[in-house]
Amino acid sequence: MKLLFWICFALIGYAYVGYACWLLVLARVRSRPILKKQLRPNVSIVMAVRNEEANLPAKIENLRLLDYPRDRLQIVIASDGSTDRTATILRERAADVVSIILDESKGKAGALNEAVRLATGEILVFLDARQTVERDAVSELVSCFADPDVGAVSGELLLETASGAPSGDALGMYWKIEKTTRKLESATGSVVGVTGAIYAIRRDLYKEIPLGTILDDVFVPMNVARMGKRVVFQPSAIARDRLFSEKGKEFSRKVRTLTGNYQLLRLAPWLLSPLNPLLFRFISHKLLRLLVPLLLLLMLAASAIATGPFYRAIFWLQVLFYVSAAFGTLSPAAKKFKPIGIASTFVMLNAAAALAFYNFAAGRKKVWL
């Protein structure tokens, strides 16, 4: 039991801290800088939307203000079986947008494939409807393609509160850790996955996304890496989003993302083979975190069974941690106390991972949020 406890502890520590520390050491020893310079190739912005009448007008206006030459910028938006005014809005903006109106929903992956077929740009920039992007975001993404080894570029998503301030809660801390890991992955080679709200790839590297795919932002860049090109992170290409204020929305979004990770193993089994040039990073960054809920349960059980005052104290510390998390969930105001906020967020993320496994095992899918 003692050995089991330490194995679980080591794997959890590696998943959240150890992997990033390894990347930090690697960055000091063998960094891979990106060659950047101002470029102005033809660019196609590609979006798939469904029932986005509330966000679409502001998004199109946001894109109209980009500081990229209009004669080299195409905007292609596919409406995926929308039942609100989304299709009407697209028709009204025909001067600004190449629109595709799908009467029946194909899912996000299918809508993206349809949009890419009409894209004429050398570079494809994928965006979502909800977020706003900075004026120079496309220019910053494109600058990385001056490096011939770069095949895909991820932008940065900034999560903000309703007032527009950066999130300072425990979930905001989690995103900061995640972005630090991505920066280190980029500095040493390639990132595993990109920010779905803002990323770009070379048009000739696009591989059609299987229908029903939840995580196009992992499937697409992993295929780019498979073709021998780097996938890098450009933090100056910024999209801004609001933290969900409705109870349970952030949890639902995390469940969807983690369910997509399981789904990828079925859609692209090569990800777990030597055909994946990022196999070690994929396991370290993605798969190990899916195992953390099981490792936490095993660690709790092992410390309960193991003999000795040290393991007894560790067991009760874990119990206290989970009680604090439950208290924070039941009383959101208590999350302002940072230890409780951290405990609640950590347990929420791992509860989402456990539910994601159930969704995958039960064959449940959720393509759109």
Protein backbone atom coordinates (compact mmCIF):
# COMPACT_ATOMS: atom_id res chain seq x y z
CA MET A 1 0.00 0.00 0.00
CA LYS A 2 2.84 2.39 0.76
CA LEU A 3 4.39 1.78 -2.65
CA LEU A 4 1.01 2.32 -4.34
CA PHE A 5 0.58 5.61 -2.46
CA TRP A 6 3.93 6.96 -3.64
CA ILE A 7 3.43 5.81 -7.22
CA CYS A 8 0.08 7.65 -7.34
CA PHE A 9 1.57 10.71 -5.65
CA ALA A 10 4.46 10.81 -8.13
CA LEU A 11 2.21 10.48 -11.19
CA ILE A 12 -0.15 13.23 -9.98
CA GLY A 13 2.78 15.49 -9.18
CA TYR A 14 4.30 14.85 -12.60
CA ALA A 15 1.02 15.55 -14.40
CA TYR A 16 0.58 18.98 -12.81
CA VAL A 17 4.11 20.13 -11.97
CA GLY A 18 6.81 17.67 -12.98
CA TYR A 19 6.12 17.79 -16.72
CA ALA A 20 6.32 21.59 -16.76
CA CYS A 21 9.57 21.45 -14.76
CA TRP A 22 11.02 18.99 -17.27
CA LEU A 23 10.07 21.35 -20.11
CA LEU A 24 11.67 24.26 -18.25
CA VAL A 25 14.96 22.37 -18.00
CA LEU A 26 14.72 21.37 -21.67
CA ALA A 27 14.08 24.99 -22.67
CA ARG A 28 17.31 26.02 -20.93
CA VAL A 29 19.30 23.26 -22.65
CA ARG A 30 17.72 23.05 -26.10
CA SER A 31 15.32 25.83 -27.00
CA ARG A 32 13.89 26.15 -30.51
CA PRO A 33 13.17 29.80 -31.32
CA ILE A 34 10.61 30.69 -33.98
CA LEU A 35 11.60 32.77 -36.99
CA LYS A 36 9.03 35.59 -37.21
CA LYS A 37 8.54 38.48 -39.58
CA GLN A 38 5.67 40.49 -40.99
CA LEU A 39 3.87 38.58 -43.74
CA ARG A 40 0.75 39.35 -45.74
CA PRO A 41 -0.38 36.10 -47.43
CA ASN A 42 -4.00 35.53 -48.36
CA VAL A 43 -5.85 34.46 -45.20
CA SER A 44 -9.22 32.78 -44.76
CA ILE A 45 -10.94 33.14 -41.39
CA VAL A 46 -13.05 30.03 -40.88
CA MET A 47 -15.90 29.71 -38.39
CA ALA A 48 -18.65 27.18 -37.68
CA VAL A 49 -21.65 28.57 -35.81
CA ARG A 50 -24.93 27.28 -34.52
CA ASN A 51 -27.67 29.47 -33.04
CA GLU A 52 -25.31 32.41 -32.52
CA GLU A 53 -27.66 35.31 -33.24
CA ALA A 54 -26.65 36.91 -29.92
CA ASN A 55 -22.92 36.89 -30.71
CA LEU A 56 -22.61 36.92 -34.49
CA PRO A 57 -23.21 40.62 -35.32
CA ALA A 58 -20.58 41.74 -32.79
CA LYS A 59 -18.17 39.06 -34.02
CA ILE A 60 -18.45 40.13 -37.66
CA GLU A 61 -17.90 43.73 -36.63
CA ASN A 62 -14.90 42.65 -34.57
CA LEU A 63 -13.42 40.94 -37.65
CA ARG A 64 -14.11 43.99 -39.81
CA LEU A 65 -11.77 46.00 -37.59
CA LEU A 66 -8.78 43.66 -37.93
CA ASP A 67 -5.60 45.41 -39.08
CA TYR A 68 -5.09 43.02 -41.99
CA PRO A 69 -5.45 44.05 -45.67
CA ARG A 70 -9.07 43.57 -46.66
CA ASP A 71 -8.14 42.40 -50.16
CA ARG A 72 -6.17 39.52 -48.61
CA LEU A 73 -8.70 38.53 -45.96
CA GLN A 74 -11.63 36.21 -46.58
CA ILE A 75 -14.24 35.39 -43.92
CA VAL A 76 -16.08 32.08 -44.33
CA ILE A 77 -18.83 31.21 -41.85
CA ALA A 78 -20.89 28.02 -41.88
CA SER A 79 -24.24 27.99 -40.09
CA ASP A 80 -24.75 24.44 -38.86
CA GLY A 81 -28.51 23.88 -38.92
CA SER A 82 -29.23 27.02 -36.89
CA THR A 83 -32.85 27.49 -35.83
CA ASP A 84 -32.61 31.15 -34.79
CA ARG A 85 -31.70 34.22 -36.92
CA THR A 86 -28.10 33.13 -37.54
CA ALA A 87 -28.68 32.33 -41.22
CA THR A 88 -30.55 35.62 -41.74
CA ILE A 89 -27.71 37.61 -40.22
CA LEU A 90 -25.21 35.90 -42.51
CA ARG A 91 -27.32 36.64 -45.59
CA GLU A 92 -27.59 40.29 -44.53
CA ARG A 93 -23.79 40.51 -44.28
CA ALA A 94 -23.11 38.96 -47.69
CA ALA A 95 -20.77 41.85 -48.57
CA ASP A 96 -18.46 40.95 -45.67
CA VAL A 97 -18.88 37.19 -45.34
CA VAL A 98 -18.87 34.08 -47.51
CA SER A 99 -21.70 32.16 -45.88
CA ILE A 100 -22.67 28.51 -45.96
CA ILE A 101 -26.19 27.73 -44.75
CA LEU A 102 -26.61 24.09 -43.74
CA ASP A 103 -30.29 23.28 -43.27
CA GLU A 104 -29.48 20.21 -41.19
CA SER A 105 -26.82 20.06 -38.50
CA LYS A 106 -23.65 18.16 -39.36
CA GLY A 107 -21.94 19.05 -36.10
CA LYS A 108 -19.07 21.48 -35.73
CA ALA A 109 -16.57 19.22 -37.50
CA GLY A 110 -18.80 18.83 -40.55
CA ALA A 111 -19.49 22.57 -40.71
CA LEU A 112 -15.78 23.36 -40.53
CA ASN A 113 -15.06 20.93 -43.37
CA GLU A 114 -17.70 22.66 -45.50
CA ALA A 115 -16.26 26.09 -44.72
CA VAL A 116 -12.69 25.03 -45.54
CA ARG A 117 -13.83 23.83 -48.98
CA LEU A 118 -14.70 27.43 -49.86
CA ALA A 119 -11.61 28.92 -48.23
CA THR A 120 -9.11 30.38 -50.70
CA GLY A 121 -6.37 31.60 -48.35
CA GLU A 122 -2.91 30.12 -47.96
CA ILE A 123 -3.45 30.35 -44.20
CA LEU A 124 -6.61 29.21 -42.41
CA VAL A 125 -7.46 31.02 -39.17
CA PHE A 126 -10.04 29.24 -37.00
CA LEU A 127 -12.13 31.34 -34.62
CA ASP A 128 -15.25 30.89 -32.49
CA ALA A 129 -18.22 33.25 -32.38
CA ARG A 130 -18.27 34.06 -28.67
CA GLN A 131 -14.83 35.58 -28.20
CA THR A 132 -13.48 38.93 -29.39
CA VAL A 133 -10.02 39.07 -30.94
CA GLU A 134 -7.45 41.85 -30.80
CA ARG A 135 -6.96 43.96 -33.93
CA ASP A 136 -3.50 42.54 -34.56
CA ALA A 137 -4.38 38.91 -33.73
CA VAL A 138 -4.34 37.61 -37.31
CA SER A 139 -1.11 39.48 -38.11
CA GLU A 140 0.54 37.97 -35.03
CA LEU A 141 -0.54 34.45 -35.98
CA VAL A 142 0.62 34.86 -39.58
CA SER A 143 4.06 36.22 -38.57
CA CYS A 144 5.02 32.77 -37.27
CA PHE A 145 4.60 31.22 -40.72
CA ALA A 146 7.78 32.97 -41.81
CA ASP A 147 9.41 29.93 -40.23
CA PRO A 148 9.16 27.10 -42.80
CA ASP A 149 9.13 24.50 -39.99
CA VAL A 150 5.92 25.93 -38.50
CA GLY A 151 2.68 24.34 -39.68
CA ALA A 152 0.20 25.57 -37.07
CA VAL A 153 0.03 28.44 -34.58
CA SER A 154 -2.09 28.75 -31.45
CA GLY A 155 -3.16 32.10 -30.09
CA GLU A 156 -3.84 32.90 -26.44
CA LEU A 157 -7.26 32.96 -24.79
CA LEU A 158 -7.61 35.43 -21.93
CA LEU A 159 -10.41 34.61 -19.48
CA GLU A 160 -11.93 37.69 -17.87
CA THR A 161 -14.61 38.49 -15.33
CA ALA A 162 -17.82 40.29 -16.25
CA SER A 163 -16.08 43.61 -15.48
CA GLY A 164 -13.31 42.82 -17.98
CA ALA A 165 -10.62 42.19 -15.37
CA PRO A 166 -8.37 39.11 -15.63
CA SER A 167 -9.63 36.20 -13.58
CA GLY A 168 -7.80 35.97 -10.28
CA ASP A 169 -9.61 32.96 -8.83
CA ALA A 170 -8.38 29.39 -8.70
CA LEU A 171 -9.70 28.62 -12.18
CA GLY A 172 -7.74 31.59 -13.50
CA MET A 173 -4.65 30.16 -11.80
CA TYR A 174 -5.25 26.83 -13.52
CA TRP A 175 -5.35 28.57 -16.92
CA LYS A 176 -2.11 30.39 -16.13
CA ILE A 177 -0.40 27.07 -15.36
CA GLU A 178 -1.81 25.58 -18.56
CA LYS A 179 -0.57 28.50 -20.66
CA THR A 180 2.87 28.33 -19.05
CA THR A 181 3.06 24.66 -20.06
CA ARG A 182 2.06 25.53 -23.63
CA LYS A 183 4.69 28.26 -23.83
CA LEU A 184 7.37 25.80 -22.68
CA GLU A 185 6.16 23.16 -25.15
CA SER A 186 6.36 25.72 -27.94
CA ALA A 187 9.82 26.89 -26.88
CA THR A 188 11.13 23.32 -27.04
CA GLY A 189 9.31 22.04 -30.11
CA SER A 190 5.52 21.70 -30.44
CA VAL A 191 2.46 22.18 -28.27
CA VAL A 192 -0.08 19.38 -27.83
CA GLY A 193 -3.29 20.95 -29.05
CA VAL A 194 -4.12 24.60 -29.65
CA THR A 195 -6.56 27.19 -28.32
CA GLY A 196 -9.83 26.41 -30.09
CA ALA A 197 -10.94 30.04 -30.00
CA ILE A 198 -7.96 31.20 -32.08
CA TYR A 199 -5.50 29.17 -34.12
CA ALA A 200 -4.12 29.00 -37.66
CA ILE A 201 -2.65 26.39 -39.99
CA ARG A 202 -1.22 26.24 -43.49
CA ARG A 203 -4.03 25.45 -45.94
CA ASP A 204 -2.18 22.55 -47.54
CA LEU A 205 -1.81 20.81 -44.16
CA TYR A 206 -5.53 20.70 -43.37
CA LYS A 207 -6.89 17.18 -43.01
CA GLU A 208 -10.65 16.75 -43.08
CA ILE A 209 -12.05 16.36 -39.58
CA PRO A 210 -14.11 13.19 -38.92
CA LEU A 211 -17.79 13.94 -38.36
CA GLY A 212 -18.66 14.14 -34.68
CA THR A 213 -15.16 15.14 -33.57
CA ILE A 214 -15.40 17.22 -30.41
CA LEU A 215 -11.84 18.57 -30.28
CA ASP A 216 -10.88 19.93 -33.69
CA ASP A 217 -8.30 22.00 -31.79
CA VAL A 218 -6.39 18.81 -30.94
CA PHE A 219 -7.14 16.65 -33.99
CA VAL A 220 -6.06 19.32 -36.52
CA PRO A 221 -2.72 20.32 -34.94
CA MET A 222 -1.75 16.73 -34.08
CA ASN A 223 -2.12 15.87 -37.75
CA VAL A 224 0.07 18.87 -38.59
CA ALA A 225 2.73 17.50 -36.24
CA ARG A 226 2.34 14.06 -37.80
CA MET A 227 3.26 15.64 -41.15
CA GLY A 228 6.55 16.86 -39.70
CA LYS A 229 5.70 20.49 -38.95
CA ARG A 230 5.85 22.36 -35.65
CA VAL A 231 2.79 23.52 -33.74
CA VAL A 232 3.71 26.67 -31.81
CA PHE A 233 2.14 29.07 -29.32
CA GLN A 234 1.99 32.80 -30.04
CA PRO A 235 0.82 34.58 -26.85
CA SER A 236 0.54 37.98 -28.60
CA ALA A 237 -2.34 36.69 -30.77
CA ILE A 238 -5.10 37.30 -28.25
CA ALA A 239 -8.77 36.35 -27.99
CA ARG A 240 -10.81 37.44 -24.99
CA ASP A 241 -13.62 35.49 -23.36
CA ARG A 242 -15.80 35.81 -20.28
CA LEU A 243 -15.79 33.28 -17.48
CA PHE A 244 -19.22 31.70 -17.34
CA SER A 245 -21.23 33.22 -14.51
CA GLU A 246 -23.98 30.60 -14.66
CA LYS A 247 -23.48 27.83 -12.15
CA GLY A 248 -22.13 24.69 -13.76
CA LYS A 249 -21.22 26.22 -17.15
CA GLU A 250 -17.45 26.01 -16.63
CA PHE A 251 -17.88 22.44 -15.39
CA SER A 252 -19.87 21.53 -18.50
CA ARG A 253 -17.26 23.07 -20.78
CA LYS A 254 -14.50 21.08 -19.06
CA VAL A 255 -16.48 17.83 -19.29
CA ARG A 256 -16.92 18.41 -23.02
CA THR A 257 -13.20 19.02 -23.54
CA LEU A 258 -12.11 15.98 -21.56
CA THR A 259 -14.69 13.76 -23.26
CA GLY A 260 -13.14 14.89 -26.53
CA ASN A 261 -9.73 13.67 -25.39
CA TYR A 262 -11.12 10.17 -24.86
CA GLN A 263 -12.91 10.33 -28.21
CA LEU A 264 -9.64 11.16 -30.00
CA LEU A 265 -8.15 7.84 -28.91
CA ARG A 266 -10.92 6.08 -30.83
CA LEU A 267 -10.87 8.37 -33.87
CA ALA A 268 -7.09 8.50 -34.18
CA PRO A 269 -5.51 5.43 -32.53
CA TRP A 270 -2.17 6.41 -34.09
CA LEU A 271 -1.92 9.03 -31.33
CA LEU A 272 -0.81 6.21 -29.00
CA SER A 273 1.70 4.76 -31.45
CA PRO A 274 5.22 5.68 -32.63
CA LEU A 275 3.52 7.40 -35.60
CA ASN A 276 2.81 10.26 -33.20
CA PRO A 277 5.98 12.42 -33.02
CA LEU A 278 4.55 14.06 -29.88
CA LEU A 279 3.71 10.79 -28.13
CA PHE A 280 5.61 11.57 -24.91
CA ARG A 281 4.09 15.06 -24.71
CA PHE A 282 0.61 13.77 -25.53
CA ILE A 283 0.77 11.24 -22.69
CA SER A 284 2.31 13.73 -20.25
CA HIS A 285 0.01 16.66 -21.03
CA LYS A 286 -3.27 15.00 -21.96
CA LEU A 287 -3.58 11.37 -20.94
CA LEU A 288 -2.07 11.48 -17.45
CA ARG A 289 -4.55 14.16 -16.40
CA LEU A 290 -7.39 11.88 -17.45
CA LEU A 291 -6.06 9.29 -15.00
CA VAL A 292 -5.76 11.67 -12.04
CA PRO A 293 -9.28 10.95 -10.62
CA LEU A 294 -8.42 7.24 -10.38
CA LEU A 295 -4.98 8.02 -8.94
CA LEU A 296 -6.56 10.26 -6.29
CA LEU A 297 -8.94 7.50 -5.19
CA LEU A 298 -6.12 4.95 -5.05
CA MET A 299 -3.95 7.37 -3.06
CA LEU A 300 -6.75 7.96 -0.55
CA ALA A 301 -7.40 4.24 -0.16
CA ALA A 302 -3.68 3.40 0.10
CA SER A 303 -3.08 5.99 2.82
CA ALA A 304 -6.15 4.71 4.73
CA ILE A 305 -4.84 1.13 4.71
CA ALA A 306 -1.12 1.81 5.17
CA THR A 307 0.15 1.65 8.76
CA GLY A 308 2.03 4.36 10.61
CA PRO A 309 1.33 7.89 11.89
CA PHE A 310 2.64 9.54 8.70
CA TYR A 311 0.12 7.80 6.44
CA ARG A 312 -2.67 8.33 8.98
CA ALA A 313 -1.94 12.08 8.96
CA ILE A 314 -1.81 12.12 5.14
CA PHE A 315 -5.16 10.34 4.99
CA TRP A 316 -6.85 12.93 7.21
CA LEU A 317 -5.25 15.80 5.27
CA GLN A 318 -6.82 14.39 2.11
CA VAL A 319 -10.18 14.12 3.87
CA LEU A 320 -9.86 17.73 5.00
CA PHE A 321 -9.00 18.76 1.44
CA TYR A 322 -12.14 17.11 0.03
CA VAL A 323 -14.34 18.50 2.82
CA SER A 324 -12.99 21.98 2.00
CA ALA A 325 -13.78 21.41 -1.68
CA ALA A 326 -17.33 20.34 -0.83
CA PHE A 327 -17.76 23.38 1.40
CA GLY A 328 -16.60 25.65 -1.41
CA THR A 329 -19.04 24.03 -3.82
CA LEU A 330 -21.96 24.42 -1.43
CA SER A 331 -20.98 27.95 -0.42
CA PRO A 332 -19.44 29.82 -3.40
CA ALA A 333 -18.57 32.80 -1.18
CA ALA A 334 -16.14 30.56 0.70
CA LYS A 335 -14.04 30.24 -2.47
CA LYS A 336 -12.73 33.74 -1.84
CA PHE A 337 -10.52 32.06 0.76
CA LYS A 338 -7.79 30.85 -1.57
CA PRO A 339 -7.15 27.36 -0.05
CA ILE A 340 -10.86 26.54 -0.34
CA GLY A 341 -11.00 27.99 -3.86
CA ILE A 342 -8.02 25.89 -4.95
CA ALA A 343 -9.48 22.73 -3.40
CA SER A 344 -12.89 23.31 -5.04
CA THR A 345 -11.40 23.99 -8.46
CA PHE A 346 -9.06 20.99 -8.30
CA VAL A 347 -11.89 18.64 -7.35
CA MET A 348 -14.20 20.19 -9.97
CA LEU A 349 -11.64 19.60 -12.72
CA ASN A 350 -11.13 15.99 -11.71
CA ALA A 351 -14.85 15.36 -11.28
CA ALA A 352 -15.18 16.61 -14.87
CA ALA A 353 -12.49 14.12 -15.94
CA ALA A 354 -14.37 11.28 -14.22
CA LEU A 355 -17.65 12.28 -15.88
CA ALA A 356 -15.85 12.56 -19.23
CA PHE A 357 -14.76 8.94 -18.90
CA TYR A 358 -18.37 7.94 -18.19
CA ASN A 359 -19.58 9.92 -21.24
CA PHE A 360 -17.04 8.18 -23.44
CA ALA A 361 -17.74 4.70 -22.05
CA ALA A 362 -21.50 5.24 -22.41
CA GLY A 363 -21.15 6.59 -25.95
CA ARG A 364 -22.54 10.01 -25.07
CA LYS A 365 -21.43 12.93 -27.27
CA LYS A 366 -21.91 16.66 -27.04
CA VAL A 367 -20.58 18.53 -30.04
CA TRP A 368 -21.83 22.05 -29.32
CA LEU A 369 -21.77 23.79 -25.93
